[in-house]
Amino acid sequence: MPKLDGDEEQNFSFYMSDKKARGGAYVHRYISKKRKFINDGVFQAELNEFLARILAEDGYSGVEVRVTPIRTEVIIRATRTREVLGDKGRRIRELTSLVQKRFFNKSTNSVELFAERVEHRGLCAMAQAESLRYKLLKGLAVRRACYGVLRHIMESGAKGCEVIVSGKLRAQRAKSMKFRDGYLISTGEPSKRFVNTATRSAQLKQGVLGIKVKIMLPTAVDSKTGLPSILPDNISVLEPKTETIEAL
């Protein structure tokens, strides 16, 4: 293995080694942490964009990638998993082949795709944004469609929600319409954990409409502990203990 200097050890601290067909010899490659994180981010963005375009009509709600030494697992979250799997798993095998050829063609690791159903569709911002997009494409009035989405989100147990539609709504002049209900935070670290955000665009005759949906979740899971977390300003008052004093 080649010896690295001090600067090279800092820049190329992440070490990878894979076996290639050169007489069975090991070929060592050094990749910097910076380049590794950039490659992972680009892979996540391209994979998310590809699946969102292919599975838009099937209620696509996000993707999770789990990397193991043997294989890479891609978990697709959708509201209609039966359509994602296809007849006898045909569609999921086609998607697996496309992802394998696009991202893992030169890699020795295999990739497997799984479909996971979204339990609470009303608390998923991506599913609600896609639903609103199809309502607008069918010609439903903007105000009526947005109020229907707000009602469905609040009935699902959300603390608050906001829907923003911008573009040429009625006249030639573009404008934005906001619809809000409930309690919704916009700043701070809790907004990253409790607020689920999604954006979509709808191509109409008069132009492109931008759709943004924000949902304030009732609970969030702490990424470090895996336990449900609460808002930092949430105060719970305990009931005082009742003590009985015996008479002398």
C-alpha atoms as a PDB file:
ATOM      1  CA  MET A   1       0.000   0.000   0.000  1.00  0.00           C
ATOM      2  CA  PRO A   2       1.479   3.410  -0.908  1.00  0.00           C
ATOM      3  CA  LYS A   3       2.599   5.617   1.946  1.00  0.00           C
ATOM      4  CA  LEU A   4       0.901   8.989   2.320  1.00  0.00           C
ATOM      5  CA  ASP A   5       2.297  12.238   3.643  1.00  0.00           C
ATOM      6  CA  GLY A   6       0.680  14.260   6.417  1.00  0.00           C
ATOM      7  CA  ASP A   7      -1.343  16.485   4.068  1.00  0.00           C
ATOM      8  CA  GLU A   8      -2.436  13.528   1.974  1.00  0.00           C
ATOM      9  CA  GLU A   9      -3.633  11.671   5.070  1.00  0.00           C
ATOM     10  CA  GLN A  10      -5.892  14.597   5.938  1.00  0.00           C
ATOM     11  CA  ASN A  11      -7.249  15.020   2.408  1.00  0.00           C
ATOM     12  CA  PHE A  12      -7.564  11.307   1.668  1.00  0.00           C
ATOM     13  CA  SER A  13      -8.605   9.997   5.060  1.00  0.00           C
ATOM     14  CA  PHE A  14     -11.428   7.833   3.708  1.00  0.00           C
ATOM     15  CA  TYR A  15     -10.014   4.570   2.412  1.00  0.00           C
ATOM     16  CA  MET A  16     -11.649   2.215  -0.050  1.00  0.00           C
ATOM     17  CA  SER A  17     -10.332  -0.998  -1.554  1.00  0.00           C
ATOM     18  CA  ASP A  18     -12.094  -3.170  -4.083  1.00  0.00           C
ATOM     19  CA  LYS A  19     -10.976  -6.210  -6.000  1.00  0.00           C
ATOM     20  CA  LYS A  20     -10.859  -5.928  -9.766  1.00  0.00           C
ATOM     21  CA  ALA A  21     -10.148  -8.408 -12.532  1.00  0.00           C
ATOM     22  CA  ARG A  22      -6.419  -7.701 -12.884  1.00  0.00           C
ATOM     23  CA  GLY A  23      -5.057 -11.101 -12.106  1.00  0.00           C
ATOM     24  CA  GLY A  24      -6.959 -11.160  -8.820  1.00  0.00           C
ATOM     25  CA  ALA A  25      -4.946  -8.233  -7.415  1.00  0.00           C
ATOM     26  CA  TYR A  26      -6.403  -5.631  -5.094  1.00  0.00           C
ATOM     27  CA  VAL A  27      -6.522  -2.087  -6.442  1.00  0.00           C
ATOM     28  CA  HIS A  28      -6.527   0.530  -3.679  1.00  0.00           C
ATOM     29  CA  ARG A  29      -8.317   3.837  -4.161  1.00  0.00           C
ATOM     30  CA  TYR A  30      -8.264   6.780  -1.793  1.00  0.00           C
ATOM     31  CA  ILE A  31     -11.267   9.116  -1.807  1.00  0.00           C
ATOM     32  CA  SER A  32     -11.473  12.226   0.322  1.00  0.00           C
ATOM     33  CA  LYS A  33     -14.338  12.623   2.774  1.00  0.00           C
ATOM     34  CA  LYS A  34     -15.410  15.785   0.998  1.00  0.00           C
ATOM     35  CA  ARG A  35     -15.689  14.017  -2.348  1.00  0.00           C
ATOM     36  CA  LYS A  36     -17.475  11.060  -0.751  1.00  0.00           C
ATOM     37  CA  PHE A  37     -20.173  13.246   0.827  1.00  0.00           C
ATOM     38  CA  ILE A  38     -20.620  15.155  -2.442  1.00  0.00           C
ATOM     39  CA  ASN A  39     -21.033  11.900  -4.372  1.00  0.00           C
ATOM     40  CA  ASP A  40     -23.565  10.610  -1.832  1.00  0.00           C
ATOM     41  CA  GLY A  41     -25.550  13.853  -2.049  1.00  0.00           C
ATOM     42  CA  VAL A  42     -25.597  13.820  -5.852  1.00  0.00           C
ATOM     43  CA  PHE A  43     -26.674  10.166  -5.816  1.00  0.00           C
ATOM     44  CA  GLN A  44     -29.529  10.888  -3.390  1.00  0.00           C
ATOM     45  CA  ALA A  45     -30.711  13.888  -5.444  1.00  0.00           C
ATOM     46  CA  GLU A  46     -30.619  12.051  -8.790  1.00  0.00           C
ATOM     47  CA  LEU A  47     -32.324   8.964  -7.364  1.00  0.00           C
ATOM     48  CA  ASN A  48     -35.059  11.044  -5.716  1.00  0.00           C
ATOM     49  CA  GLU A  49     -35.688  13.011  -8.925  1.00  0.00           C
ATOM     50  CA  PHE A  50     -35.814   9.829 -11.017  1.00  0.00           C
ATOM     51  CA  LEU A  51     -38.264   8.036  -8.714  1.00  0.00           C
ATOM     52  CA  ALA A  52     -40.431  11.161  -8.290  1.00  0.00           C
ATOM     53  CA  ARG A  53     -40.802  11.404 -12.071  1.00  0.00           C
ATOM     54  CA  ILE A  54     -41.510   7.706 -12.615  1.00  0.00           C
ATOM     55  CA  LEU A  55     -43.762   7.087  -9.579  1.00  0.00           C
ATOM     56  CA  ALA A  56     -45.618  10.417  -9.455  1.00  0.00           C
ATOM     57  CA  GLU A  57     -49.020   8.814 -10.076  1.00  0.00           C
ATOM     58  CA  ASP A  58     -48.426   6.120  -7.444  1.00  0.00           C
ATOM     59  CA  GLY A  59     -48.142   8.469  -4.458  1.00  0.00           C
ATOM     60  CA  TYR A  60     -44.343   8.613  -4.227  1.00  0.00           C
ATOM     61  CA  SER A  61     -43.407  10.036  -0.810  1.00  0.00           C
ATOM     62  CA  GLY A  62     -39.641   9.698  -0.499  1.00  0.00           C
ATOM     63  CA  VAL A  63     -36.727   7.280  -0.595  1.00  0.00           C
ATOM     64  CA  GLU A  64     -34.241   5.934   1.953  1.00  0.00           C
ATOM     65  CA  VAL A  65     -30.871   4.392   1.072  1.00  0.00           C
ATOM     66  CA  ARG A  66     -29.175   1.879   3.372  1.00  0.00           C
ATOM     67  CA  VAL A  67     -25.626   0.845   2.481  1.00  0.00           C
ATOM     68  CA  THR A  68     -24.285  -2.482   3.715  1.00  0.00           C
ATOM     69  CA  PRO A  69     -20.996  -4.231   2.863  1.00  0.00           C
ATOM     70  CA  ILE A  70     -22.866  -6.758   0.719  1.00  0.00           C
ATOM     71  CA  ARG A  71     -25.547  -4.705  -1.013  1.00  0.00           C
ATOM     72  CA  THR A  72     -27.293  -1.354  -1.186  1.00  0.00           C
ATOM     73  CA  GLU A  73     -30.941  -1.275  -0.124  1.00  0.00           C
ATOM     74  CA  VAL A  74     -33.238   1.388  -1.604  1.00  0.00           C
ATOM     75  CA  ILE A  75     -36.554   1.718   0.261  1.00  0.00           C
ATOM     76  CA  ILE A  76     -39.262   3.515  -1.726  1.00  0.00           C
ATOM     77  CA  ARG A  77     -42.070   5.066   0.316  1.00  0.00           C
ATOM     78  CA  ALA A  78     -45.378   5.396  -1.510  1.00  0.00           C
ATOM     79  CA  THR A  79     -49.088   5.475  -0.747  1.00  0.00           C
ATOM     80  CA  ARG A  80     -49.901   2.770  -3.316  1.00  0.00           C
ATOM     81  CA  THR A  81     -47.281   0.075  -3.024  1.00  0.00           C
ATOM     82  CA  ARG A  82     -49.201  -2.395  -5.181  1.00  0.00           C
ATOM     83  CA  GLU A  83     -48.724  -0.187  -8.259  1.00  0.00           C
ATOM     84  CA  VAL A  84     -45.047   0.284  -7.388  1.00  0.00           C
ATOM     85  CA  LEU A  85     -44.459  -3.477  -7.216  1.00  0.00           C
ATOM     86  CA  GLY A  86     -46.426  -4.180 -10.387  1.00  0.00           C
ATOM     87  CA  ASP A  87     -47.851  -7.472 -11.587  1.00  0.00           C
ATOM     88  CA  LYS A  88     -45.907 -10.267  -9.839  1.00  0.00           C
ATOM     89  CA  GLY A  89     -43.120  -7.789  -8.979  1.00  0.00           C
ATOM     90  CA  ARG A  90     -42.389  -6.939 -12.607  1.00  0.00           C
ATOM     91  CA  ARG A  91     -42.216  -3.168 -12.194  1.00  0.00           C
ATOM     92  CA  ILE A  92     -39.960  -3.249  -9.133  1.00  0.00           C
ATOM     93  CA  ARG A  93     -37.553  -5.531 -11.025  1.00  0.00           C
ATOM     94  CA  GLU A  94     -37.488  -3.082 -13.945  1.00  0.00           C
ATOM     95  CA  LEU A  95     -36.726  -0.202 -11.587  1.00  0.00           C
ATOM     96  CA  THR A  96     -33.994  -2.273  -9.928  1.00  0.00           C
ATOM     97  CA  SER A  97     -32.381  -2.928 -13.304  1.00  0.00           C
ATOM     98  CA  LEU A  98     -32.484   0.772 -14.235  1.00  0.00           C
ATOM     99  CA  VAL A  99     -30.990   1.883 -10.922  1.00  0.00           C
ATOM    100  CA  GLN A 100     -28.303  -0.826 -11.131  1.00  0.00           C
ATOM    101  CA  LYS A 101     -27.230   0.223 -14.638  1.00  0.00           C
ATOM    102  CA  ARG A 102     -27.321   3.946 -13.871  1.00  0.00           C
ATOM    103  CA  PHE A 103     -25.604   4.144 -10.487  1.00  0.00           C
ATOM    104  CA  PHE A 104     -23.954   0.758  -9.794  1.00  0.00           C
ATOM    105  CA  ASN A 105     -22.801  -0.347 -13.234  1.00  0.00           C
ATOM    106  CA  LYS A 106     -19.080  -0.403 -12.333  1.00  0.00           C
ATOM    107  CA  SER A 107     -19.553  -1.461  -8.722  1.00  0.00           C
ATOM    108  CA  THR A 108     -19.343  -4.955  -7.308  1.00  0.00           C
ATOM    109  CA  ASN A 109     -22.169  -4.283  -4.827  1.00  0.00           C
ATOM    110  CA  SER A 110     -25.688  -5.259  -5.789  1.00  0.00           C
ATOM    111  CA  VAL A 111     -28.754  -3.090  -5.282  1.00  0.00           C
ATOM    112  CA  GLU A 112     -32.224  -4.125  -4.151  1.00  0.00           C
ATOM    113  CA  LEU A 113     -35.399  -2.031  -4.182  1.00  0.00           C
ATOM    114  CA  PHE A 114     -38.180  -2.369  -1.619  1.00  0.00           C
ATOM    115  CA  ALA A 115     -41.582  -0.679  -1.403  1.00  0.00           C
ATOM    116  CA  GLU A 116     -42.886   0.606   1.924  1.00  0.00           C
ATOM    117  CA  ARG A 117     -46.388   1.943   2.392  1.00  0.00           C
ATOM    118  CA  VAL A 118     -46.959   5.356   3.979  1.00  0.00           C
ATOM    119  CA  GLU A 119     -49.216   4.808   6.984  1.00  0.00           C
ATOM    120  CA  HIS A 120     -50.555   8.353   7.379  1.00  0.00           C
ATOM    121  CA  ARG A 121     -51.090   9.801   3.927  1.00  0.00           C
ATOM    122  CA  GLY A 122     -52.527  13.033   5.314  1.00  0.00           C
ATOM    123  CA  LEU A 123     -49.272  13.784   7.182  1.00  0.00           C
ATOM    124  CA  CYS A 124     -47.040  13.363   4.107  1.00  0.00           C
ATOM    125  CA  ALA A 125     -46.338  16.685   2.385  1.00  0.00           C
ATOM    126  CA  MET A 126     -45.150  15.057  -0.852  1.00  0.00           C
ATOM    127  CA  ALA A 127     -48.347  13.027  -1.217  1.00  0.00           C
ATOM    128  CA  GLN A 128     -50.547  16.054  -0.532  1.00  0.00           C
ATOM    129  CA  ALA A 129     -48.600  18.270  -2.943  1.00  0.00           C
ATOM    130  CA  GLU A 130     -48.946  15.634  -5.658  1.00  0.00           C
ATOM    131  CA  SER A 131     -52.670  15.304  -4.916  1.00  0.00           C
ATOM    132  CA  LEU A 132     -53.128  19.082  -5.185  1.00  0.00           C
ATOM    133  CA  ARG A 133     -51.169  19.092  -8.440  1.00  0.00           C
ATOM    134  CA  TYR A 134     -53.500  16.549 -10.058  1.00  0.00           C
ATOM    135  CA  LYS A 135     -56.561  18.472  -8.838  1.00  0.00           C
ATOM    136  CA  LEU A 136     -55.285  21.637 -10.499  1.00  0.00           C
ATOM    137  CA  LEU A 137     -54.436  19.778 -13.712  1.00  0.00           C
ATOM    138  CA  LYS A 138     -58.017  18.483 -13.867  1.00  0.00           C
ATOM    139  CA  GLY A 139     -59.329  22.057 -13.806  1.00  0.00           C
ATOM    140  CA  LEU A 140     -60.539  22.319 -10.213  1.00  0.00           C
ATOM    141  CA  ALA A 141     -60.633  25.842  -8.757  1.00  0.00           C
ATOM    142  CA  VAL A 142     -57.511  26.760  -6.801  1.00  0.00           C
ATOM    143  CA  ARG A 143     -59.324  27.913  -3.679  1.00  0.00           C
ATOM    144  CA  ARG A 144     -61.562  24.846  -3.543  1.00  0.00           C
ATOM    145  CA  ALA A 145     -58.672  22.434  -4.133  1.00  0.00           C
ATOM    146  CA  CYS A 146     -56.467  24.049  -1.467  1.00  0.00           C
ATOM    147  CA  TYR A 147     -59.210  24.090   1.166  1.00  0.00           C
ATOM    148  CA  GLY A 148     -59.894  20.414   0.467  1.00  0.00           C
ATOM    149  CA  VAL A 149     -56.216  19.582   1.049  1.00  0.00           C
ATOM    150  CA  LEU A 150     -56.147  21.675   4.246  1.00  0.00           C
ATOM    151  CA  ARG A 151     -59.212  19.898   5.603  1.00  0.00           C
ATOM    152  CA  HIS A 152     -57.770  16.454   4.869  1.00  0.00           C
ATOM    153  CA  ILE A 153     -54.438  17.326   6.532  1.00  0.00           C
ATOM    154  CA  MET A 154     -56.026  18.691   9.704  1.00  0.00           C
ATOM    155  CA  GLU A 155     -58.402  15.718   9.964  1.00  0.00           C
ATOM    156  CA  SER A 156     -55.372  13.396   9.820  1.00  0.00           C
ATOM    157  CA  GLY A 157     -54.056  14.807  13.104  1.00  0.00           C
ATOM    158  CA  ALA A 158     -51.612  17.523  12.028  1.00  0.00           C
ATOM    159  CA  LYS A 159     -50.965  20.482  14.336  1.00  0.00           C
ATOM    160  CA  GLY A 160     -50.976  22.944  11.445  1.00  0.00           C
ATOM    161  CA  CYS A 161     -50.421  23.275   7.718  1.00  0.00           C
ATOM    162  CA  GLU A 162     -49.815  25.826   4.995  1.00  0.00           C
ATOM    163  CA  VAL A 163     -50.439  25.635   1.240  1.00  0.00           C
ATOM    164  CA  ILE A 164     -48.961  28.204  -1.163  1.00  0.00           C
ATOM    165  CA  VAL A 165     -49.923  28.346  -4.846  1.00  0.00           C
ATOM    166  CA  SER A 166     -48.126  30.912  -7.014  1.00  0.00           C
ATOM    167  CA  GLY A 167     -48.386  31.759 -10.702  1.00  0.00           C
ATOM    168  CA  LYS A 168     -51.007  32.992 -13.162  1.00  0.00           C
ATOM    169  CA  LEU A 169     -54.090  31.959 -11.221  1.00  0.00           C
ATOM    170  CA  ARG A 170     -56.828  34.006 -12.929  1.00  0.00           C
ATOM    171  CA  ALA A 171     -55.447  37.089 -14.675  1.00  0.00           C
ATOM    172  CA  GLN A 172     -52.248  37.528 -16.658  1.00  0.00           C
ATOM    173  CA  ARG A 173     -50.503  38.984 -13.622  1.00  0.00           C
ATOM    174  CA  ALA A 174     -48.860  36.314 -11.483  1.00  0.00           C
ATOM    175  CA  LYS A 175     -49.595  36.272  -7.755  1.00  0.00           C
ATOM    176  CA  SER A 176     -49.439  33.974  -4.755  1.00  0.00           C
ATOM    177  CA  MET A 177     -52.244  32.629  -2.592  1.00  0.00           C
ATOM    178  CA  LYS A 178     -51.602  31.327   0.934  1.00  0.00           C
ATOM    179  CA  PHE A 179     -53.901  29.050   2.903  1.00  0.00           C
ATOM    180  CA  ARG A 180     -53.063  28.334   6.556  1.00  0.00           C
ATOM    181  CA  ASP A 181     -54.699  26.469   9.387  1.00  0.00           C
ATOM    182  CA  GLY A 182     -53.610  25.482  12.884  1.00  0.00           C
ATOM    183  CA  TYR A 183     -50.237  26.049  14.555  1.00  0.00           C
ATOM    184  CA  LEU A 184     -47.117  26.127  12.351  1.00  0.00           C
ATOM    185  CA  ILE A 185     -43.544  27.108  13.255  1.00  0.00           C
ATOM    186  CA  SER A 186     -41.234  28.528  10.601  1.00  0.00           C
ATOM    187  CA  THR A 187     -37.828  29.064  12.230  1.00  0.00           C
ATOM    188  CA  GLY A 188     -35.440  27.346  14.578  1.00  0.00           C
ATOM    189  CA  GLU A 189     -34.099  23.838  14.840  1.00  0.00           C
ATOM    190  CA  PRO A 190     -37.511  22.270  15.709  1.00  0.00           C
ATOM    191  CA  SER A 191     -38.839  23.381  12.308  1.00  0.00           C
ATOM    192  CA  LYS A 192     -36.430  20.929  10.668  1.00  0.00           C
ATOM    193  CA  ARG A 193     -37.819  18.014  12.691  1.00  0.00           C
ATOM    194  CA  PHE A 194     -41.507  18.860  13.010  1.00  0.00           C
ATOM    195  CA  VAL A 195     -42.285  20.542   9.658  1.00  0.00           C
ATOM    196  CA  ASN A 196     -42.588  18.378   6.543  1.00  0.00           C
ATOM    197  CA  THR A 197     -42.211  20.407   3.326  1.00  0.00           C
ATOM    198  CA  ALA A 198     -42.711  19.525  -0.340  1.00  0.00           C
ATOM    199  CA  THR A 199     -42.821  21.503  -3.591  1.00  0.00           C
ATOM    200  CA  ARG A 200     -44.352  20.639  -6.961  1.00  0.00           C
ATOM    201  CA  SER A 201     -45.143  22.427 -10.230  1.00  0.00           C
ATOM    202  CA  ALA A 202     -48.172  22.108 -12.508  1.00  0.00           C
ATOM    203  CA  GLN A 203     -47.995  22.999 -16.210  1.00  0.00           C
ATOM    204  CA  LEU A 204     -51.257  24.664 -17.276  1.00  0.00           C
ATOM    205  CA  LYS A 205     -52.281  26.524 -20.424  1.00  0.00           C
ATOM    206  CA  GLN A 206     -51.679  29.958 -18.933  1.00  0.00           C
ATOM    207  CA  GLY A 207     -48.311  28.983 -17.442  1.00  0.00           C
ATOM    208  CA  VAL A 208     -46.633  27.090 -14.641  1.00  0.00           C
ATOM    209  CA  LEU A 209     -48.121  27.020 -11.141  1.00  0.00           C
ATOM    210  CA  GLY A 210     -45.840  26.487  -8.164  1.00  0.00           C
ATOM    211  CA  ILE A 211     -47.166  24.422  -5.239  1.00  0.00           C
ATOM    212  CA  LYS A 212     -45.671  24.345  -1.748  1.00  0.00           C
ATOM    213  CA  VAL A 213     -47.102  22.346   1.155  1.00  0.00           C
ATOM    214  CA  LYS A 214     -45.952  22.543   4.790  1.00  0.00           C
ATOM    215  CA  ILE A 215     -47.285  20.219   7.480  1.00  0.00           C
ATOM    216  CA  MET A 216     -46.638  20.559  11.214  1.00  0.00           C
ATOM    217  CA  LEU A 217     -46.365  16.988  12.483  1.00  0.00           C
ATOM    218  CA  PRO A 218     -47.839  16.103  15.895  1.00  0.00           C
ATOM    219  CA  THR A 219     -44.689  14.198  16.916  1.00  0.00           C
ATOM    220  CA  ALA A 220     -41.151  13.813  15.625  1.00  0.00           C
ATOM    221  CA  VAL A 221     -38.472  11.185  16.167  1.00  0.00           C
ATOM    222  CA  ASP A 222     -35.079  12.242  17.504  1.00  0.00           C
ATOM    223  CA  SER A 223     -32.371  11.152  15.058  1.00  0.00           C
ATOM    224  CA  LYS A 224     -29.845  10.482  17.852  1.00  0.00           C
ATOM    225  CA  THR A 225     -31.941   8.532  20.346  1.00  0.00           C
ATOM    226  CA  GLY A 226     -34.761   7.299  18.099  1.00  0.00           C
ATOM    227  CA  LEU A 227     -37.325   8.344  20.715  1.00  0.00           C
ATOM    228  CA  PRO A 228     -40.271  10.697  20.187  1.00  0.00           C
ATOM    229  CA  SER A 229     -39.309  14.315  20.818  1.00  0.00           C
ATOM    230  CA  ILE A 230     -41.400  17.294  21.876  1.00  0.00           C
ATOM    231  CA  LEU A 231     -41.131  21.017  21.269  1.00  0.00           C
ATOM    232  CA  PRO A 232     -38.657  22.797  23.576  1.00  0.00           C
ATOM    233  CA  ASP A 233     -41.313  25.245  24.813  1.00  0.00           C
ATOM    234  CA  ASN A 234     -43.717  22.464  25.762  1.00  0.00           C
ATOM    235  CA  ILE A 235     -44.273  22.507  29.531  1.00  0.00           C
ATOM    236  CA  SER A 236     -46.051  19.749  31.435  1.00  0.00           C
ATOM    237  CA  VAL A 237     -47.300  20.507  34.946  1.00  0.00           C
ATOM    238  CA  LEU A 238     -47.376  17.522  37.273  1.00  0.00           C
ATOM    239  CA  GLU A 239     -50.161  17.034  39.757  1.00  0.00           C
ATOM    240  CA  PRO A 240     -49.123  17.577  43.397  1.00  0.00           C
ATOM    241  CA  LYS A 241     -48.853  14.525  45.583  1.00  0.00           C
ATOM    242  CA  THR A 242     -51.474  14.122  48.280  1.00  0.00           C
ATOM    243  CA  GLU A 243     -50.004  13.344  51.683  1.00  0.00           C
ATOM    244  CA  THR A 244     -52.071  12.080  54.588  1.00  0.00           C
ATOM    245  CA  ILE A 245     -50.976  13.111  58.065  1.00  0.00           C
ATOM    246  CA  GLU A 246     -52.055  10.775  60.810  1.00  0.00           C
ATOM    247  CA  ALA A 247     -53.457  12.355  63.945  1.00  0.00           C
ATOM    248  CA  LEU A 248     -51.430  11.922  67.111  1.00  0.00           C
END
